[in-house]
Amino acid sequence: MGSPRAGRCRCAGCSYEIGVDAWTFHQELVAELEADEKAFFERVRQRTEHLRSLVPAWQRTH
């Protein structure tokens, strides 16, 4: 990714832009996934359950 504007990264292949913070977060997630796939998806499952628990029961879809 190149950096066309301050605080942004651009993909050389498609010119898609993303904020530096989002790019850094993406890289951290990829590193966690590659380090321990099973633990990564367990954290995803736990986070998903937590977020779903915050939705009022009458608004839940499943």
C-alpha atoms as a PDB file:
ATOM      1  CA  MET A   1       0.000   0.000   0.000  1.00  0.00           C
ATOM      2  CA  GLY A   2       1.235   3.436  -0.858  1.00  0.00           C
ATOM      3  CA  SER A   3       0.349   6.581   1.038  1.00  0.00           C
ATOM      4  CA  PRO A   4      -1.318   9.127  -1.273  1.00  0.00           C
ATOM      5  CA  ARG A   5      -2.563  11.431   1.502  1.00  0.00           C
ATOM      6  CA  ALA A   6      -1.608  11.897   5.118  1.00  0.00           C
ATOM      7  CA  GLY A   7      -3.406   9.372   7.293  1.00  0.00           C
ATOM      8  CA  ARG A   8      -4.474   7.179   4.355  1.00  0.00           C
ATOM      9  CA  CYS A   9      -3.090   4.083   2.615  1.00  0.00           C
ATOM     10  CA  ARG A  10      -3.889   3.157  -0.987  1.00  0.00           C
ATOM     11  CA  CYS A  11      -3.768  -0.268  -2.618  1.00  0.00           C
ATOM     12  CA  ALA A  12      -1.556  -0.121  -5.709  1.00  0.00           C
ATOM     13  CA  GLY A  13      -3.665  -2.781  -7.438  1.00  0.00           C
ATOM     14  CA  CYS A  14      -7.107  -1.196  -7.136  1.00  0.00           C
ATOM     15  CA  SER A  15      -6.597   2.299  -5.681  1.00  0.00           C
ATOM     16  CA  TYR A  16      -8.803   1.471  -2.662  1.00  0.00           C
ATOM     17  CA  GLU A  17      -8.008   3.785   0.249  1.00  0.00           C
ATOM     18  CA  ILE A  18      -8.184   3.006   3.954  1.00  0.00           C
ATOM     19  CA  GLY A  19      -7.259   5.023   7.027  1.00  0.00           C
ATOM     20  CA  VAL A  20      -3.918   4.273   8.679  1.00  0.00           C
ATOM     21  CA  ASP A  21      -5.661   3.302  11.934  1.00  0.00           C
ATOM     22  CA  ALA A  22      -7.911   0.847  10.079  1.00  0.00           C
ATOM     23  CA  TRP A  23      -4.914  -0.551   8.162  1.00  0.00           C
ATOM     24  CA  THR A  24      -2.965  -1.010  11.403  1.00  0.00           C
ATOM     25  CA  PHE A  25      -5.953  -2.728  13.047  1.00  0.00           C
ATOM     26  CA  HIS A  26      -6.315  -5.023  10.030  1.00  0.00           C
ATOM     27  CA  GLN A  27      -2.639  -5.964  10.219  1.00  0.00           C
ATOM     28  CA  GLU A  28      -2.968  -6.712  13.955  1.00  0.00           C
ATOM     29  CA  LEU A  29      -5.962  -8.978  13.303  1.00  0.00           C
ATOM     30  CA  VAL A  30      -4.138 -10.835  10.538  1.00  0.00           C
ATOM     31  CA  ALA A  31      -1.119 -11.339  12.819  1.00  0.00           C
ATOM     32  CA  GLU A  32      -3.361 -12.694  15.610  1.00  0.00           C
ATOM     33  CA  LEU A  33      -5.073 -15.043  13.161  1.00  0.00           C
ATOM     34  CA  GLU A  34      -1.790 -16.344  11.797  1.00  0.00           C
ATOM     35  CA  ALA A  35      -0.295 -16.770  15.284  1.00  0.00           C
ATOM     36  CA  ASP A  36      -3.147 -18.912  16.669  1.00  0.00           C
ATOM     37  CA  GLU A  37      -6.170 -19.483  14.446  1.00  0.00           C
ATOM     38  CA  LYS A  38      -8.158 -21.431  17.055  1.00  0.00           C
ATOM     39  CA  ALA A  39      -7.691 -18.770  19.763  1.00  0.00           C
ATOM     40  CA  PHE A  40      -8.483 -15.994  17.273  1.00  0.00           C
ATOM     41  CA  PHE A  41     -11.852 -17.489  16.324  1.00  0.00           C
ATOM     42  CA  GLU A  42     -12.650 -18.209  19.971  1.00  0.00           C
ATOM     43  CA  ARG A  43     -12.134 -14.489  20.713  1.00  0.00           C
ATOM     44  CA  VAL A  44     -14.348 -13.626  17.717  1.00  0.00           C
ATOM     45  CA  ARG A  45     -17.059 -15.969  19.023  1.00  0.00           C
ATOM     46  CA  GLN A  46     -16.884 -14.484  22.523  1.00  0.00           C
ATOM     47  CA  ARG A  47     -16.992 -10.910  21.198  1.00  0.00           C
ATOM     48  CA  THR A  48     -19.952 -11.751  18.954  1.00  0.00           C
ATOM     49  CA  GLU A  49     -21.847 -13.281  21.885  1.00  0.00           C
ATOM     50  CA  HIS A  50     -21.111 -10.215  24.002  1.00  0.00           C
ATOM     51  CA  LEU A  51     -22.317  -7.803  21.315  1.00  0.00           C
ATOM     52  CA  ARG A  52     -25.471  -9.857  20.722  1.00  0.00           C
ATOM     53  CA  SER A  53     -26.201  -9.801  24.450  1.00  0.00           C
ATOM     54  CA  LEU A  54     -26.379  -6.001  24.284  1.00  0.00           C
ATOM     55  CA  VAL A  55     -29.259  -6.085  21.790  1.00  0.00           C
ATOM     56  CA  PRO A  56     -32.691  -6.077  23.464  1.00  0.00           C
ATOM     57  CA  ALA A  57     -34.368  -9.514  23.245  1.00  0.00           C
ATOM     58  CA  TRP A  58     -37.256  -8.232  21.109  1.00  0.00           C
ATOM     59  CA  GLN A  59     -34.833  -6.925  18.477  1.00  0.00           C
ATOM     60  CA  ARG A  60     -32.768 -10.099  18.120  1.00  0.00           C
ATOM     61  CA  THR A  61     -33.079 -11.971  14.851  1.00  0.00           C
ATOM     62  CA  HIS A  62     -31.915 -15.356  16.218  1.00  0.00           C
END
